[in-house]
Amino acid sequence: MNAQDKEKSIREAILDMVAYFAVFGLPVSEDRLNALLAVKASHLAVLAIVRDMVANGELIKIEDCYGLADVRYVNLHKKQTQRDYLLARAGKLAGVIGKLPFVKAVCVVNSVAIGNVHEDSDIDLLIVTTPGRVFVAKGFLWKTLKILKLLETEDKKAGQFSLGMVLTTRGVIFERDIMRENNPHLIYWLMTAVPVYGQRRWQEVLQASPYVRQHAPNYLWPKGDRSIDRAGTKWLDSLDDRGYRIHLRHTSRQEKNLRDEAFVRVRPDIINLHAIDRSRAIAEAWQKQRGTWVEPDKSLKPLRPKKK
């Protein structure tokens, strides 16, 4: 790739990222630009191109961050206090959860992680366990949080906890198991997750994924040998297997999980329950920010098979 094509690819990657975060009303810092850029590039090269894009009017500078013109951005300073409070709340819970020998990492994901918190923001948790402990962990934590009245309900969401995803330290195929539409939401969703317990273990899970390494070529991964999990007791193995069968049966009977907008994965290595998957709506909003959205032709009727 020659220098001109390289610069063009960096510009496109910058616009892709800035447009993605604009969907949530968030400007992008220099650190985030460099760490999450989809193409390999040096810090100095990215900084030089960003400054040129600001001078050309392609981007605007918002304090020490960058955004798009005609986008209404949130005041990060006003949001930071609430975000810090919710992360601290998650950190306290994670400190207790982490005492369970089969829990290796606890991450905050979605709105609190990315930074666009609001008054009713709940705290979405992603739990990483040793292999064969997904359902033991989910069952124990769900019952405990429910008893303590910390679990999110339809009537109370603000500051409450949601257990939407549990997976093992072996990881899963992220591009298949996390959401319906991967581009552009998946990589940013993964990389903006905030580990409030077991940061190294979470990064090991991410680093082991070919998808993540491909889409975050500039990210600096921790060095050192990968952690090794010890085998647990057999009675917990049977308990987790029983929990899997119960959970699968229960999930398959819930009407909300059978709708077209739902995205569900229930396997021995993952629990991922999204009654409403927003990844396609986010992809559409992103394309509109990038100016690449094409409105579907509603005049075209689907073809019906001929009757025999």
Protein backbone atom coordinates (compact mmCIF):
# COMPACT_ATOMS: atom_id res chain seq x y z
CA MET A 1 0.00 0.00 0.00
CA ASN A 2 1.44 3.37 -1.00
CA ALA A 3 1.47 6.43 1.27
CA GLN A 4 -1.59 7.99 -0.34
CA ASP A 5 -3.71 4.87 0.01
CA LYS A 6 -2.48 4.40 3.59
CA GLU A 7 -3.51 7.93 4.53
CA LYS A 8 -6.91 7.41 2.90
CA SER A 9 -7.50 4.21 4.86
CA ILE A 10 -6.60 5.97 8.12
CA ARG A 11 -8.98 8.85 7.32
CA GLU A 12 -11.81 6.43 6.58
CA ALA A 13 -11.14 4.51 9.79
CA ILE A 14 -11.15 7.73 11.81
CA LEU A 15 -14.46 8.82 10.27
CA ASP A 16 -15.94 5.37 10.90
CA MET A 17 -15.05 5.54 14.59
CA VAL A 18 -16.10 9.16 15.13
CA ALA A 19 -19.41 8.48 13.36
CA TYR A 20 -20.02 5.42 15.56
CA PHE A 21 -19.57 7.31 18.81
CA ALA A 22 -21.62 10.21 17.40
CA VAL A 23 -24.59 7.82 17.38
CA PHE A 24 -24.39 7.96 21.19
CA GLY A 25 -23.57 11.68 21.33
CA LEU A 26 -20.01 11.04 22.43
CA PRO A 27 -16.88 12.75 21.07
CA VAL A 28 -13.72 10.64 20.68
CA SER A 29 -10.47 11.30 22.55
CA GLU A 30 -7.03 10.95 20.99
CA ASP A 31 -6.28 7.95 23.20
CA ARG A 32 -9.42 6.15 22.03
CA LEU A 33 -8.68 7.01 18.39
CA ASN A 34 -5.24 5.45 18.59
CA ALA A 35 -6.20 2.40 20.65
CA LEU A 36 -9.30 1.40 18.69
CA LEU A 37 -8.44 2.45 15.14
CA ALA A 38 -9.29 -0.33 12.70
CA VAL A 39 -6.05 0.03 10.70
CA LYS A 40 -2.45 -0.19 11.80
CA ALA A 41 -1.01 3.31 12.23
CA SER A 42 1.43 5.18 14.44
CA HIS A 43 0.26 7.68 17.03
CA LEU A 44 1.98 10.55 15.22
CA ALA A 45 0.42 9.64 11.87
CA VAL A 46 -3.08 9.52 13.37
CA LEU A 47 -2.58 12.83 15.18
CA ALA A 48 -1.33 14.56 12.03
CA ILE A 49 -4.26 13.30 9.96
CA VAL A 50 -6.80 14.25 12.64
CA ARG A 51 -5.46 17.80 12.78
CA ASP A 52 -5.65 18.03 9.00
CA MET A 53 -9.24 16.76 9.07
CA VAL A 54 -10.14 19.45 11.62
CA ALA A 55 -8.51 22.11 9.43
CA ASN A 56 -10.51 20.83 6.42
CA GLY A 57 -13.78 20.84 8.34
CA GLU A 58 -14.22 17.05 8.25
CA LEU A 59 -14.02 16.95 12.06
CA ILE A 60 -14.56 19.43 14.86
CA LYS A 61 -12.51 19.70 18.05
CA ILE A 62 -14.42 19.53 21.32
CA GLU A 63 -11.95 20.36 24.10
CA ASP A 64 -9.47 17.46 23.85
CA CYS A 65 -11.83 15.25 21.79
CA TYR A 66 -13.10 15.09 18.21
CA GLY A 67 -16.53 14.86 16.67
CA LEU A 68 -18.71 15.60 13.65
CA ALA A 69 -20.41 18.87 12.83
CA ASP A 70 -24.21 19.06 13.32
CA VAL A 71 -24.13 16.40 16.05
CA ARG A 72 -25.44 17.25 19.50
CA TYR A 73 -22.81 15.95 21.91
CA VAL A 74 -23.37 15.27 25.58
CA ASN A 75 -21.51 17.20 28.24
CA LEU A 76 -19.01 14.59 29.42
CA HIS A 77 -18.17 16.53 32.57
CA LYS A 78 -21.80 16.43 33.73
CA LYS A 79 -22.04 12.72 32.95
CA GLN A 80 -18.74 11.80 34.60
CA THR A 81 -19.91 12.10 38.20
CA GLN A 82 -22.82 9.71 37.67
CA ARG A 83 -20.67 7.35 35.62
CA ASP A 84 -17.99 7.26 38.33
CA TYR A 85 -20.66 6.50 40.93
CA LEU A 86 -22.11 3.61 38.91
CA LEU A 87 -18.66 2.17 38.17
CA ALA A 88 -17.72 2.43 41.85
CA ARG A 89 -20.95 0.64 42.74
CA ALA A 90 -20.10 -2.10 40.27
CA GLY A 91 -16.54 -2.29 41.64
CA LYS A 92 -17.79 -2.91 45.19
CA LEU A 93 -20.05 -5.71 44.03
CA ALA A 94 -17.28 -7.17 41.84
CA GLY A 95 -14.96 -7.26 44.84
CA VAL A 96 -17.44 -9.59 46.54
CA ILE A 97 -18.24 -11.62 43.42
CA GLY A 98 -14.53 -12.10 42.78
CA LYS A 99 -14.19 -14.10 45.98
CA LEU A 100 -16.01 -16.94 44.25
CA PRO A 101 -13.20 -19.17 42.94
CA PHE A 102 -14.88 -19.71 39.58
CA VAL A 103 -15.40 -15.99 38.81
CA LYS A 104 -12.36 -14.60 36.98
CA ALA A 105 -13.54 -11.23 35.65
CA VAL A 106 -16.44 -8.82 35.98
CA CYS A 107 -16.99 -6.15 33.32
CA VAL A 108 -19.43 -3.27 32.98
CA VAL A 109 -20.80 -2.96 29.43
CA ASN A 110 -23.28 -0.86 27.44
CA SER A 111 -24.20 2.72 28.43
CA VAL A 112 -22.20 3.01 31.66
CA ALA A 113 -19.09 1.57 30.00
CA ILE A 114 -19.22 3.72 26.90
CA GLY A 115 -20.03 6.91 28.81
CA ASN A 116 -23.53 7.95 27.72
CA VAL A 117 -25.20 7.42 31.09
CA HIS A 118 -28.62 8.87 31.94
CA GLU A 119 -30.82 9.12 35.00
CA ASP A 120 -32.29 5.64 34.56
CA SER A 121 -29.06 3.86 33.61
CA ASP A 122 -28.73 0.37 35.02
CA ILE A 123 -25.41 -1.43 35.36
CA ASP A 124 -25.03 -4.20 32.79
CA LEU A 125 -22.53 -6.82 33.89
CA LEU A 126 -20.57 -9.33 31.85
CA ILE A 127 -19.25 -12.16 34.02
CA VAL A 128 -16.31 -14.36 33.00
CA THR A 129 -16.05 -17.76 34.73
CA THR A 130 -13.85 -20.80 34.52
CA PRO A 131 -15.07 -23.46 32.07
CA GLY A 132 -18.06 -25.41 33.30
CA ARG A 133 -19.23 -22.75 35.76
CA VAL A 134 -21.38 -20.45 33.63
CA PHE A 135 -24.71 -21.63 35.03
CA VAL A 136 -23.50 -22.08 38.60
CA ALA A 137 -22.30 -18.47 38.56
CA LYS A 138 -25.44 -17.09 36.91
CA GLY A 139 -27.77 -18.96 39.26
CA PHE A 140 -25.90 -17.98 42.41
CA LEU A 141 -25.49 -14.33 41.45
CA TRP A 142 -29.07 -13.97 40.22
CA LYS A 143 -30.51 -15.32 43.47
CA THR A 144 -28.13 -13.28 45.62
CA LEU A 145 -28.84 -10.00 43.83
CA LYS A 146 -32.56 -10.69 43.93
CA ILE A 147 -32.48 -11.31 47.68
CA LEU A 148 -30.48 -8.11 48.21
CA LYS A 149 -32.89 -6.24 45.91
CA LEU A 150 -30.03 -5.16 43.66
CA LEU A 151 -31.33 -6.86 40.51
CA GLU A 152 -32.89 -4.76 37.77
CA THR A 153 -36.69 -5.02 37.48
CA GLU A 154 -39.27 -3.42 35.19
CA ASP A 155 -40.17 -1.02 38.01
CA LYS A 156 -36.65 -0.20 39.15
CA LYS A 157 -33.69 0.16 36.80
CA ALA A 158 -31.56 3.13 37.88
CA GLY A 159 -28.40 1.93 39.58
CA GLN A 160 -29.56 -1.70 39.60
CA PHE A 161 -27.61 -4.63 38.17
CA SER A 162 -28.40 -6.67 35.07
CA LEU A 163 -26.85 -10.09 34.35
CA GLY A 164 -27.23 -10.26 30.60
CA MET A 165 -24.08 -12.19 29.71
CA VAL A 166 -21.87 -14.87 31.23
CA LEU A 167 -19.09 -16.65 29.34
CA THR A 168 -16.00 -18.69 30.13
CA THR A 169 -12.31 -17.81 30.11
CA ARG A 170 -11.96 -19.92 26.97
CA GLY A 171 -13.95 -17.27 25.17
CA VAL A 172 -16.47 -17.69 22.38
CA ILE A 173 -16.63 -16.76 18.71
CA PHE A 174 -17.50 -13.12 19.35
CA GLU A 175 -18.60 -12.38 15.79
CA ARG A 176 -21.18 -15.18 16.04
CA ASP A 177 -22.32 -15.13 19.66
CA ILE A 178 -22.66 -11.54 20.85
CA MET A 179 -25.02 -9.65 18.53
CA ARG A 180 -26.93 -9.88 15.28
CA GLU A 181 -25.13 -7.12 13.32
CA ASN A 182 -21.41 -6.90 14.05
CA ASN A 183 -20.38 -3.88 12.00
CA PRO A 184 -19.55 -1.45 13.53
CA HIS A 185 -20.91 -2.07 17.03
CA LEU A 186 -19.24 -5.31 18.13
CA ILE A 187 -15.58 -4.32 18.33
CA TYR A 188 -16.30 -1.03 20.12
CA TRP A 189 -18.72 -2.77 22.49
CA LEU A 190 -16.02 -5.26 23.43
CA MET A 191 -13.15 -2.80 23.68
CA THR A 192 -15.04 -0.21 25.74
CA ALA A 193 -16.13 -2.78 28.33
CA VAL A 194 -14.79 -1.70 31.72
CA PRO A 195 -13.33 -4.56 33.80
CA VAL A 196 -14.02 -3.73 37.46
CA TYR A 197 -12.50 -7.04 38.51
CA GLY A 198 -10.00 -9.32 36.73
CA GLN A 199 -8.77 -6.85 34.12
CA ARG A 200 -5.94 -9.09 32.96
CA ARG A 201 -8.21 -12.12 32.56
CA TRP A 202 -10.67 -10.11 30.49
CA GLN A 203 -7.90 -8.85 28.24
CA GLU A 204 -6.65 -12.42 27.83
CA VAL A 205 -10.12 -13.42 26.62
CA LEU A 206 -10.14 -10.54 24.14
CA GLN A 207 -6.58 -11.12 22.96
CA ALA A 208 -7.31 -14.79 22.24
CA SER A 209 -9.96 -13.76 19.69
CA PRO A 210 -8.75 -13.50 16.06
CA TYR A 211 -11.67 -11.13 15.39
CA VAL A 212 -10.57 -8.71 18.10
CA ARG A 213 -6.90 -8.77 17.09
CA GLN A 214 -7.87 -8.10 13.48
CA HIS A 215 -10.16 -5.18 14.26
CA ALA A 216 -8.01 -3.54 16.95
CA PRO A 217 -4.49 -3.75 15.46
CA ASN A 218 -3.15 -0.79 17.48
CA TYR A 219 -4.29 -1.95 20.91
CA LEU A 220 -1.48 -2.59 23.42
CA TRP A 221 -2.04 -5.99 25.00
CA PRO A 222 -0.52 -7.03 28.35
CA LYS A 223 2.58 -9.19 28.07
CA GLY A 224 3.17 -12.45 29.91
CA ASP A 225 1.98 -16.03 29.91
CA ARG A 226 -1.72 -16.76 29.65
CA SER A 227 -3.40 -17.79 32.92
CA ILE A 228 -4.24 -21.45 33.43
CA ASP A 229 -7.46 -22.49 35.17
CA ARG A 230 -7.44 -25.38 37.60
CA ALA A 231 -10.04 -28.11 37.41
CA GLY A 232 -12.90 -27.90 39.90
CA THR A 233 -14.89 -30.46 41.82
CA LYS A 234 -17.10 -32.95 39.99
CA TRP A 235 -20.25 -32.10 41.93
CA LEU A 236 -20.04 -28.54 40.58
CA ASP A 237 -19.67 -29.97 37.08
CA SER A 238 -22.93 -31.87 37.45
CA LEU A 239 -24.62 -28.85 39.05
CA ASP A 240 -23.59 -26.62 36.14
CA ASP A 241 -24.82 -29.20 33.62
CA ARG A 242 -28.15 -29.37 35.42
CA GLY A 243 -28.33 -25.57 35.46
CA TYR A 244 -27.67 -25.53 31.71
CA ARG A 245 -30.58 -27.84 30.96
CA ILE A 246 -32.94 -25.91 33.26
CA HIS A 247 -31.87 -22.56 31.83
CA LEU A 248 -32.23 -23.75 28.24
CA ARG A 249 -35.71 -25.09 28.87
CA HIS A 250 -36.77 -21.92 30.70
CA THR A 251 -35.37 -19.61 28.02
CA SER A 252 -37.02 -21.52 25.17
CA ARG A 253 -40.43 -21.01 26.80
CA GLN A 254 -40.16 -17.24 27.20
CA GLU A 255 -42.08 -15.45 24.47
CA LYS A 256 -39.74 -12.43 24.52
CA ASN A 257 -36.84 -14.66 23.46
CA LEU A 258 -38.74 -16.03 20.47
CA ARG A 259 -39.42 -12.69 18.76
CA ASP A 260 -37.52 -11.56 15.66
CA GLU A 261 -35.71 -8.76 17.53
CA ALA A 262 -34.32 -11.15 20.15
CA PHE A 263 -30.77 -12.51 20.10
CA VAL A 264 -30.17 -15.47 22.39
CA ARG A 265 -27.26 -17.83 23.03
CA VAL A 266 -27.55 -20.51 25.71
CA ARG A 267 -24.73 -23.05 25.64
CA PRO A 268 -22.36 -24.57 28.21
CA ASP A 269 -19.84 -21.82 27.40
CA ILE A 270 -22.12 -18.76 27.23
CA ILE A 271 -25.34 -17.15 28.38
CA ASN A 272 -26.28 -14.18 26.20
CA LEU A 273 -29.89 -13.04 26.50
CA HIS A 274 -31.00 -9.98 24.55
CA ALA A 275 -34.77 -9.78 24.20
CA ILE A 276 -34.20 -6.71 22.03
CA ASP A 277 -31.04 -6.67 19.93
CA ARG A 278 -30.20 -3.07 18.97
CA SER A 279 -27.17 -3.79 16.81
CA ARG A 280 -29.03 -3.34 13.50
CA ALA A 281 -30.54 -0.04 14.60
CA ILE A 282 -27.07 1.13 15.66
CA ALA A 283 -25.63 0.07 12.29
CA GLU A 284 -28.35 2.04 10.50
CA ALA A 285 -27.73 5.14 12.62
CA TRP A 286 -23.99 4.82 11.98
CA GLN A 287 -24.50 4.59 8.23
CA LYS A 288 -26.62 7.74 8.36
CA GLN A 289 -23.82 9.56 10.18
CA ARG A 290 -21.38 8.37 7.51
CA GLY A 291 -23.74 9.32 4.70
CA THR A 292 -23.86 5.76 3.35
CA TRP A 293 -27.40 4.85 4.38
CA VAL A 294 -29.68 3.74 1.54
CA GLU A 295 -33.40 3.78 2.31
CA PRO A 296 -35.00 0.41 1.47
CA ASP A 297 -37.42 0.53 -1.44
CA LYS A 298 -40.75 -0.16 0.26
CA SER A 299 -42.55 -0.31 -3.08
CA LEU A 300 -40.93 -3.65 -3.83
CA LYS A 301 -43.01 -6.56 -2.59
CA PRO A 302 -41.35 -9.82 -1.56
CA LEU A 303 -41.67 -12.62 -4.06
CA ARG A 304 -44.09 -15.36 -3.10
CA PRO A 305 -43.52 -18.94 -4.18
CA LYS A 306 -45.89 -20.15 -6.84
CA LYS A 307 -48.51 -22.59 -5.74
CA LYS A 308 -48.18 -26.03 -7.22
